[in-house]
Amino acid sequence: MIFFNRELARRKALQSALVSSILLFNMKSSIANKNVEEDSQNIDKPSQGSIQLNKNKVCPSTNLLPIRSFNTPKYYVYICRGDNKNLLGYYVRIPKNLDSKITVPITKKARETYIAINGELAYIITPYEMVITKRDRIILREKVISAVQADGKALSKGCPEGNNTFAKAETKSFFIYICGIGNPSSYVSVTRKSNRRINLPLKKWNHNSNKNDRYVATNGNIRFILTNKVLRVSRGERNVIKEKVLRWE
């Protein structure tokens, strides 16, 4: 009888240990799977924070530190200081998976637009977008998430500081922002190619939740009319620009 009780107690102890081991294994497996899923999501998720690369290793020389840094969904782009070989500086593009890097001398600069040409390819970066063309045909375009100066200050884009953005539009040639504090009060337009910016007071506006928005600004005898469908720029009674709105927010 004593032997039977001891054997029964031993079997219960073994069974309890086995159950505990299974529970511990399942818990560790669950945690491991969760970590793998989170890591996978973090890899697939594009970075939208500040650029974390070592800036001393980005430019062609450690003496040529970046004067501009741009962050797009898939790339980091740097504008490096110039030297005796190329006074305008260098365009450096690094994929976020860090598998390669290209460095091209800058051939043209207009305001905050930088252009680097390498054979048939032209690399263009502004505070608004990164564009690559081949024989004047766009083969890659990405929105710029953030653009900063060498001192870490953000490059101005969109509405002036302290203003709200009531509408944003993109056309073939322009980025357009409707800005204001309490109500829409200004029309801000930036050319895609040269980054030229104008800021005009609104003369008329109709802003509602049905997307039937209409904004009118004037500059002398030039009239700017923006809706969620089209941008019209007229001089007197004649339309000089008419472009479809490609994106509206």
C-alpha atoms as a PDB file:
ATOM      1  CA  MET A   1       0.000   0.000   0.000  1.00  0.00           C
ATOM      2  CA  ILE A   2       2.825   2.375   0.897  1.00  0.00           C
ATOM      3  CA  PHE A   3       4.584   1.491  -2.351  1.00  0.00           C
ATOM      4  CA  PHE A   4       1.375   2.136  -4.314  1.00  0.00           C
ATOM      5  CA  ASN A   5       0.932   5.593  -2.725  1.00  0.00           C
ATOM      6  CA  ARG A   6       4.552   6.515  -3.450  1.00  0.00           C
ATOM      7  CA  GLU A   7       4.198   5.417  -7.054  1.00  0.00           C
ATOM      8  CA  LEU A   8       0.972   7.412  -7.406  1.00  0.00           C
ATOM      9  CA  ALA A   9       2.613  10.521  -5.913  1.00  0.00           C
ATOM     10  CA  ARG A  10       5.611  10.117  -8.257  1.00  0.00           C
ATOM     11  CA  ARG A  11       3.355   9.862 -11.302  1.00  0.00           C
ATOM     12  CA  LYS A  12       1.373  12.958 -10.266  1.00  0.00           C
ATOM     13  CA  ALA A  13       4.619  14.887  -9.792  1.00  0.00           C
ATOM     14  CA  LEU A  14       5.834  13.831 -13.254  1.00  0.00           C
ATOM     15  CA  GLN A  15       2.474  14.743 -14.783  1.00  0.00           C
ATOM     16  CA  SER A  16       2.525  18.160 -13.086  1.00  0.00           C
ATOM     17  CA  ALA A  17       6.079  18.805 -14.278  1.00  0.00           C
ATOM     18  CA  LEU A  18       5.125  17.808 -17.828  1.00  0.00           C
ATOM     19  CA  VAL A  19       2.102  20.133 -17.856  1.00  0.00           C
ATOM     20  CA  SER A  20       4.229  22.996 -16.496  1.00  0.00           C
ATOM     21  CA  SER A  21       6.848  22.389 -19.201  1.00  0.00           C
ATOM     22  CA  ILE A  22       4.204  22.421 -21.940  1.00  0.00           C
ATOM     23  CA  LEU A  23       2.667  25.651 -20.624  1.00  0.00           C
ATOM     24  CA  LEU A  24       6.092  27.297 -20.369  1.00  0.00           C
ATOM     25  CA  PHE A  25       6.984  26.208 -23.914  1.00  0.00           C
ATOM     26  CA  ASN A  26       3.698  27.532 -25.316  1.00  0.00           C
ATOM     27  CA  MET A  27       4.142  30.841 -23.492  1.00  0.00           C
ATOM     28  CA  LYS A  28       7.683  31.282 -24.833  1.00  0.00           C
ATOM     29  CA  SER A  29       6.546  30.322 -28.352  1.00  0.00           C
ATOM     30  CA  SER A  30       3.715  32.852 -28.167  1.00  0.00           C
ATOM     31  CA  ILE A  31       6.082  35.600 -27.045  1.00  0.00           C
ATOM     32  CA  ALA A  32       8.612  34.669 -29.733  1.00  0.00           C
ATOM     33  CA  ASN A  33       5.944  34.694 -32.460  1.00  0.00           C
ATOM     34  CA  LYS A  34       4.690  38.071 -31.273  1.00  0.00           C
ATOM     35  CA  ASN A  35       8.224  39.495 -31.392  1.00  0.00           C
ATOM     36  CA  VAL A  36       8.745  38.103 -34.904  1.00  0.00           C
ATOM     37  CA  GLU A  37       5.455  39.660 -36.062  1.00  0.00           C
ATOM     38  CA  GLU A  38       6.356  43.032 -34.515  1.00  0.00           C
ATOM     39  CA  ASP A  39       9.839  42.951 -36.060  1.00  0.00           C
ATOM     40  CA  SER A  40       8.326  42.082 -39.444  1.00  0.00           C
ATOM     41  CA  GLN A  41       5.884  44.977 -39.173  1.00  0.00           C
ATOM     42  CA  ASN A  42       8.676  47.360 -38.208  1.00  0.00           C
ATOM     43  CA  ILE A  43      10.749  46.274 -41.208  1.00  0.00           C
ATOM     44  CA  ASP A  44       7.873  46.759 -43.645  1.00  0.00           C
ATOM     45  CA  LYS A  45       6.789  50.067 -42.120  1.00  0.00           C
ATOM     46  CA  PRO A  46       8.564  53.060 -43.764  1.00  0.00           C
ATOM     47  CA  SER A  47      10.481  55.309 -41.439  1.00  0.00           C
ATOM     48  CA  GLN A  48       8.974  58.754 -40.969  1.00  0.00           C
ATOM     49  CA  GLY A  49      11.313  60.025 -38.304  1.00  0.00           C
ATOM     50  CA  SER A  50      14.483  62.024 -38.514  1.00  0.00           C
ATOM     51  CA  ILE A  51      17.427  60.711 -40.525  1.00  0.00           C
ATOM     52  CA  GLN A  52      19.612  58.541 -38.276  1.00  0.00           C
ATOM     53  CA  LEU A  53      22.580  57.730 -40.548  1.00  0.00           C
ATOM     54  CA  ASN A  54      26.104  58.807 -39.601  1.00  0.00           C
ATOM     55  CA  LYS A  55      26.455  62.011 -41.592  1.00  0.00           C
ATOM     56  CA  ASN A  56      30.259  61.832 -41.456  1.00  0.00           C
ATOM     57  CA  LYS A  57      30.087  58.764 -43.725  1.00  0.00           C
ATOM     58  CA  VAL A  58      27.493  60.010 -46.207  1.00  0.00           C
ATOM     59  CA  CYS A  59      29.382  62.517 -48.375  1.00  0.00           C
ATOM     60  CA  PRO A  60      32.365  61.852 -50.694  1.00  0.00           C
ATOM     61  CA  SER A  61      34.708  63.281 -48.030  1.00  0.00           C
ATOM     62  CA  THR A  62      34.414  63.779 -44.271  1.00  0.00           C
ATOM     63  CA  ASN A  63      35.032  67.494 -44.910  1.00  0.00           C
ATOM     64  CA  LEU A  64      31.907  67.732 -47.080  1.00  0.00           C
ATOM     65  CA  LEU A  65      29.126  67.470 -44.521  1.00  0.00           C
ATOM     66  CA  PRO A  66      25.473  67.551 -45.671  1.00  0.00           C
ATOM     67  CA  ILE A  67      23.818  70.968 -45.916  1.00  0.00           C
ATOM     68  CA  ARG A  68      20.386  69.458 -46.674  1.00  0.00           C
ATOM     69  CA  SER A  69      18.801  66.140 -45.664  1.00  0.00           C
ATOM     70  CA  PHE A  70      15.616  64.708 -47.167  1.00  0.00           C
ATOM     71  CA  ASN A  71      13.553  61.727 -46.055  1.00  0.00           C
ATOM     72  CA  THR A  72      11.189  59.889 -48.442  1.00  0.00           C
ATOM     73  CA  PRO A  73       9.290  56.616 -47.865  1.00  0.00           C
ATOM     74  CA  LYS A  74      12.132  54.535 -49.363  1.00  0.00           C
ATOM     75  CA  TYR A  75      15.208  56.774 -49.494  1.00  0.00           C
ATOM     76  CA  TYR A  76      17.478  59.183 -47.672  1.00  0.00           C
ATOM     77  CA  VAL A  77      18.801  61.988 -49.885  1.00  0.00           C
ATOM     78  CA  TYR A  78      21.620  64.326 -48.891  1.00  0.00           C
ATOM     79  CA  ILE A  79      23.018  67.454 -50.494  1.00  0.00           C
ATOM     80  CA  CYS A  80      26.708  67.651 -49.594  1.00  0.00           C
ATOM     81  CA  ARG A  81      28.942  70.710 -49.643  1.00  0.00           C
ATOM     82  CA  GLY A  82      30.945  71.465 -52.766  1.00  0.00           C
ATOM     83  CA  ASP A  83      34.695  71.294 -53.317  1.00  0.00           C
ATOM     84  CA  ASN A  84      37.193  72.338 -55.984  1.00  0.00           C
ATOM     85  CA  LYS A  85      35.960  69.586 -58.305  1.00  0.00           C
ATOM     86  CA  ASN A  86      32.312  70.581 -58.041  1.00  0.00           C
ATOM     87  CA  LEU A  87      31.406  73.886 -56.415  1.00  0.00           C
ATOM     88  CA  LEU A  88      27.653  73.192 -56.328  1.00  0.00           C
ATOM     89  CA  GLY A  89      28.096  70.085 -54.213  1.00  0.00           C
ATOM     90  CA  TYR A  90      26.946  66.490 -54.450  1.00  0.00           C
ATOM     91  CA  TYR A  91      23.647  64.608 -54.531  1.00  0.00           C
ATOM     92  CA  VAL A  92      23.760  61.426 -52.435  1.00  0.00           C
ATOM     93  CA  ARG A  93      20.883  58.931 -52.378  1.00  0.00           C
ATOM     94  CA  ILE A  94      20.793  55.957 -50.006  1.00  0.00           C
ATOM     95  CA  PRO A  95      17.997  53.342 -49.942  1.00  0.00           C
ATOM     96  CA  LYS A  96      16.585  52.673 -46.482  1.00  0.00           C
ATOM     97  CA  ASN A  97      17.634  49.019 -46.732  1.00  0.00           C
ATOM     98  CA  LEU A  98      21.193  50.421 -47.094  1.00  0.00           C
ATOM     99  CA  ASP A  99      22.087  48.033 -49.933  1.00  0.00           C
ATOM    100  CA  SER A 100      23.682  50.665 -52.178  1.00  0.00           C
ATOM    101  CA  LYS A 101      24.492  54.351 -52.565  1.00  0.00           C
ATOM    102  CA  ILE A 102      24.793  56.743 -55.492  1.00  0.00           C
ATOM    103  CA  THR A 103      26.747  59.999 -55.532  1.00  0.00           C
ATOM    104  CA  VAL A 104      26.294  62.448 -58.412  1.00  0.00           C
ATOM    105  CA  PRO A 105      27.706  65.992 -58.766  1.00  0.00           C
ATOM    106  CA  ILE A 106      25.016  68.685 -58.699  1.00  0.00           C
ATOM    107  CA  THR A 107      24.727  70.483 -62.024  1.00  0.00           C
ATOM    108  CA  LYS A 108      22.010  73.026 -61.216  1.00  0.00           C
ATOM    109  CA  LYS A 109      20.496  74.681 -58.159  1.00  0.00           C
ATOM    110  CA  ALA A 110      17.428  76.953 -58.062  1.00  0.00           C
ATOM    111  CA  ARG A 111      16.224  78.027 -54.616  1.00  0.00           C
ATOM    112  CA  GLU A 112      15.681  74.693 -52.828  1.00  0.00           C
ATOM    113  CA  THR A 113      15.646  72.619 -56.023  1.00  0.00           C
ATOM    114  CA  TYR A 114      18.773  70.538 -56.626  1.00  0.00           C
ATOM    115  CA  ILE A 115      19.427  68.743 -59.919  1.00  0.00           C
ATOM    116  CA  ALA A 116      22.165  66.186 -60.580  1.00  0.00           C
ATOM    117  CA  ILE A 117      22.630  64.668 -64.035  1.00  0.00           C
ATOM    118  CA  ASN A 118      24.373  61.391 -64.808  1.00  0.00           C
ATOM    119  CA  GLY A 119      24.119  60.472 -68.478  1.00  0.00           C
ATOM    120  CA  GLU A 120      20.450  60.008 -69.395  1.00  0.00           C
ATOM    121  CA  LEU A 121      19.335  60.181 -65.761  1.00  0.00           C
ATOM    122  CA  ALA A 122      18.416  63.364 -63.906  1.00  0.00           C
ATOM    123  CA  TYR A 123      18.023  63.316 -60.116  1.00  0.00           C
ATOM    124  CA  ILE A 124      15.845  66.128 -58.744  1.00  0.00           C
ATOM    125  CA  ILE A 125      15.105  66.844 -55.088  1.00  0.00           C
ATOM    126  CA  THR A 126      13.005  69.595 -53.487  1.00  0.00           C
ATOM    127  CA  PRO A 127      11.423  69.928 -50.027  1.00  0.00           C
ATOM    128  CA  TYR A 128       8.244  68.511 -51.611  1.00  0.00           C
ATOM    129  CA  GLU A 129       9.309  65.548 -53.723  1.00  0.00           C
ATOM    130  CA  MET A 130      12.118  63.427 -55.130  1.00  0.00           C
ATOM    131  CA  VAL A 131      12.010  62.806 -58.878  1.00  0.00           C
ATOM    132  CA  ILE A 132      14.185  60.749 -61.219  1.00  0.00           C
ATOM    133  CA  THR A 133      13.827  61.179 -64.968  1.00  0.00           C
ATOM    134  CA  LYS A 134      15.302  59.326 -67.922  1.00  0.00           C
ATOM    135  CA  ARG A 135      15.339  61.212 -71.215  1.00  0.00           C
ATOM    136  CA  ASP A 136      12.908  63.709 -69.627  1.00  0.00           C
ATOM    137  CA  ARG A 137      10.469  60.917 -68.712  1.00  0.00           C
ATOM    138  CA  ILE A 138       9.651  60.437 -65.017  1.00  0.00           C
ATOM    139  CA  ILE A 139      10.625  56.939 -63.864  1.00  0.00           C
ATOM    140  CA  LEU A 140      10.396  57.500 -60.101  1.00  0.00           C
ATOM    141  CA  ARG A 141       8.601  60.036 -57.919  1.00  0.00           C
ATOM    142  CA  GLU A 142       8.353  59.998 -54.122  1.00  0.00           C
ATOM    143  CA  LYS A 143       6.889  62.472 -51.680  1.00  0.00           C
ATOM    144  CA  VAL A 144       9.363  64.063 -49.255  1.00  0.00           C
ATOM    145  CA  ILE A 145       8.314  63.329 -45.681  1.00  0.00           C
ATOM    146  CA  SER A 146      10.800  65.709 -44.064  1.00  0.00           C
ATOM    147  CA  ALA A 147      13.483  68.143 -45.229  1.00  0.00           C
ATOM    148  CA  VAL A 148      15.987  69.759 -42.877  1.00  0.00           C
ATOM    149  CA  GLN A 149      18.929  72.138 -43.005  1.00  0.00           C
ATOM    150  CA  ALA A 150      22.391  71.436 -41.620  1.00  0.00           C
ATOM    151  CA  ASP A 151      21.422  73.038 -38.294  1.00  0.00           C
ATOM    152  CA  GLY A 152      18.449  70.685 -37.950  1.00  0.00           C
ATOM    153  CA  LYS A 153      15.786  73.288 -38.750  1.00  0.00           C
ATOM    154  CA  ALA A 154      13.019  72.165 -41.088  1.00  0.00           C
ATOM    155  CA  LEU A 155      12.904  73.698 -44.551  1.00  0.00           C
ATOM    156  CA  SER A 156       9.747  75.757 -44.948  1.00  0.00           C
ATOM    157  CA  LYS A 157       7.029  74.108 -47.016  1.00  0.00           C
ATOM    158  CA  GLY A 158       3.305  74.463 -47.278  1.00  0.00           C
ATOM    159  CA  CYS A 159       1.536  77.014 -45.115  1.00  0.00           C
ATOM    160  CA  PRO A 160       3.446  79.605 -43.064  1.00  0.00           C
ATOM    161  CA  GLU A 161       4.214  78.722 -39.466  1.00  0.00           C
ATOM    162  CA  GLY A 162       1.220  79.246 -37.196  1.00  0.00           C
ATOM    163  CA  ASN A 163      -1.300  78.792 -40.025  1.00  0.00           C
ATOM    164  CA  ASN A 164      -3.738  75.950 -40.501  1.00  0.00           C
ATOM    165  CA  THR A 165      -3.929  74.086 -43.806  1.00  0.00           C
ATOM    166  CA  PHE A 166      -7.512  74.057 -45.088  1.00  0.00           C
ATOM    167  CA  ALA A 167      -6.748  72.371 -48.411  1.00  0.00           C
ATOM    168  CA  LYS A 168      -3.819  70.904 -50.328  1.00  0.00           C
ATOM    169  CA  ALA A 169      -3.738  70.276 -54.063  1.00  0.00           C
ATOM    170  CA  GLU A 170      -1.229  68.886 -56.536  1.00  0.00           C
ATOM    171  CA  THR A 171      -1.312  69.512 -60.274  1.00  0.00           C
ATOM    172  CA  LYS A 172       1.164  68.723 -63.020  1.00  0.00           C
ATOM    173  CA  SER A 173       3.099  71.934 -62.350  1.00  0.00           C
ATOM    174  CA  PHE A 174       2.165  73.119 -58.849  1.00  0.00           C
ATOM    175  CA  PHE A 175       1.780  72.341 -55.168  1.00  0.00           C
ATOM    176  CA  ILE A 176      -1.016  74.535 -53.774  1.00  0.00           C
ATOM    177  CA  TYR A 177      -1.997  75.227 -50.170  1.00  0.00           C
ATOM    178  CA  ILE A 178      -4.984  77.109 -48.788  1.00  0.00           C
ATOM    179  CA  CYS A 179      -3.855  78.601 -45.487  1.00  0.00           C
ATOM    180  CA  GLY A 180      -5.205  80.655 -42.621  1.00  0.00           C
ATOM    181  CA  ILE A 181      -5.638  80.810 -38.870  1.00  0.00           C
ATOM    182  CA  GLY A 182      -9.371  80.894 -38.134  1.00  0.00           C
ATOM    183  CA  ASN A 183     -10.603  80.812 -41.732  1.00  0.00           C
ATOM    184  CA  PRO A 184      -8.957  80.377 -45.152  1.00  0.00           C
ATOM    185  CA  SER A 185      -7.120  83.617 -45.908  1.00  0.00           C
ATOM    186  CA  SER A 186      -4.214  82.931 -48.271  1.00  0.00           C
ATOM    187  CA  TYR A 187      -3.337  81.033 -51.436  1.00  0.00           C
ATOM    188  CA  VAL A 188       0.189  79.565 -51.456  1.00  0.00           C
ATOM    189  CA  SER A 189       1.540  78.058 -54.664  1.00  0.00           C
ATOM    190  CA  VAL A 190       4.918  76.403 -55.291  1.00  0.00           C
ATOM    191  CA  THR A 191       6.154  75.453 -58.764  1.00  0.00           C
ATOM    192  CA  ARG A 192       7.330  71.845 -59.031  1.00  0.00           C
ATOM    193  CA  LYS A 193      10.324  72.580 -61.262  1.00  0.00           C
ATOM    194  CA  SER A 194      11.903  75.712 -59.791  1.00  0.00           C
ATOM    195  CA  ASN A 195      10.394  75.717 -56.281  1.00  0.00           C
ATOM    196  CA  ARG A 196       9.225  79.313 -56.889  1.00  0.00           C
ATOM    197  CA  ARG A 197       6.690  80.316 -54.252  1.00  0.00           C
ATOM    198  CA  ILE A 198       3.879  82.880 -54.230  1.00  0.00           C
ATOM    199  CA  ASN A 199       1.615  83.813 -51.329  1.00  0.00           C
ATOM    200  CA  LEU A 200      -1.548  85.761 -52.170  1.00  0.00           C
ATOM    201  CA  PRO A 201      -4.560  86.830 -50.090  1.00  0.00           C
ATOM    202  CA  LEU A 202      -7.802  85.067 -50.924  1.00  0.00           C
ATOM    203  CA  LYS A 203     -10.498  87.250 -52.488  1.00  0.00           C
ATOM    204  CA  LYS A 204     -13.272  84.656 -52.356  1.00  0.00           C
ATOM    205  CA  TRP A 205     -13.603  81.229 -50.865  1.00  0.00           C
ATOM    206  CA  ASN A 206     -16.200  78.523 -50.372  1.00  0.00           C
ATOM    207  CA  HIS A 207     -15.053  75.810 -47.962  1.00  0.00           C
ATOM    208  CA  ASN A 208     -17.425  72.989 -46.979  1.00  0.00           C
ATOM    209  CA  SER A 209     -17.461  69.305 -46.120  1.00  0.00           C
ATOM    210  CA  ASN A 210     -18.846  68.220 -49.506  1.00  0.00           C
ATOM    211  CA  LYS A 211     -15.556  68.941 -51.322  1.00  0.00           C
ATOM    212  CA  ASN A 212     -17.254  71.625 -53.412  1.00  0.00           C
ATOM    213  CA  ASP A 213     -14.501  74.003 -52.355  1.00  0.00           C
ATOM    214  CA  ARG A 214     -13.638  77.005 -54.500  1.00  0.00           C
ATOM    215  CA  TYR A 215     -10.853  79.481 -53.792  1.00  0.00           C
ATOM    216  CA  VAL A 216     -10.032  82.661 -55.709  1.00  0.00           C
ATOM    217  CA  ALA A 217      -6.903  84.822 -55.421  1.00  0.00           C
ATOM    218  CA  THR A 218      -5.714  87.701 -57.608  1.00  0.00           C
ATOM    219  CA  ASN A 219      -2.396  89.324 -58.394  1.00  0.00           C
ATOM    220  CA  GLY A 220      -3.008  92.415 -60.521  1.00  0.00           C
ATOM    221  CA  ASN A 221      -4.948  91.251 -63.570  1.00  0.00           C
ATOM    222  CA  ILE A 222      -3.987  87.608 -62.982  1.00  0.00           C
ATOM    223  CA  ARG A 223      -6.649  85.459 -61.357  1.00  0.00           C
ATOM    224  CA  PHE A 224      -6.112  82.086 -59.663  1.00  0.00           C
ATOM    225  CA  ILE A 225      -9.143  79.807 -59.253  1.00  0.00           C
ATOM    226  CA  LEU A 226      -8.773  76.478 -57.458  1.00  0.00           C
ATOM    227  CA  THR A 227     -11.364  73.737 -56.962  1.00  0.00           C
ATOM    228  CA  ASN A 228     -10.941  70.088 -56.067  1.00  0.00           C
ATOM    229  CA  LYS A 229     -11.158  69.313 -59.806  1.00  0.00           C
ATOM    230  CA  VAL A 230      -9.097  71.932 -61.609  1.00  0.00           C
ATOM    231  CA  LEU A 231      -6.701  74.870 -61.313  1.00  0.00           C
ATOM    232  CA  ARG A 232      -7.299  77.828 -63.636  1.00  0.00           C
ATOM    233  CA  VAL A 233      -4.998  80.811 -64.000  1.00  0.00           C
ATOM    234  CA  SER A 234      -6.332  83.593 -66.211  1.00  0.00           C
ATOM    235  CA  ARG A 235      -5.074  86.946 -67.422  1.00  0.00           C
ATOM    236  CA  GLY A 236      -8.046  89.141 -68.110  1.00  0.00           C
ATOM    237  CA  GLU A 237     -10.558  86.930 -69.920  1.00  0.00           C
ATOM    238  CA  ARG A 238      -7.993  84.443 -71.246  1.00  0.00           C
ATOM    239  CA  ASN A 239      -6.949  81.222 -69.509  1.00  0.00           C
ATOM    240  CA  VAL A 240      -3.161  80.924 -69.460  1.00  0.00           C
ATOM    241  CA  ILE A 241      -3.025  77.769 -67.310  1.00  0.00           C
ATOM    242  CA  LYS A 242      -5.589  75.024 -66.865  1.00  0.00           C
ATOM    243  CA  GLU A 243      -4.476  71.901 -65.022  1.00  0.00           C
ATOM    244  CA  LYS A 244      -6.330  68.955 -63.570  1.00  0.00           C
ATOM    245  CA  VAL A 245      -5.985  68.439 -59.814  1.00  0.00           C
ATOM    246  CA  LEU A 246      -4.126  65.157 -59.391  1.00  0.00           C
ATOM    247  CA  ARG A 247      -4.364  64.984 -55.612  1.00  0.00           C
ATOM    248  CA  TRP A 248      -6.628  66.800 -53.171  1.00  0.00           C
ATOM    249  CA  GLU A 249      -6.571  66.795 -49.382  1.00  0.00           C
END
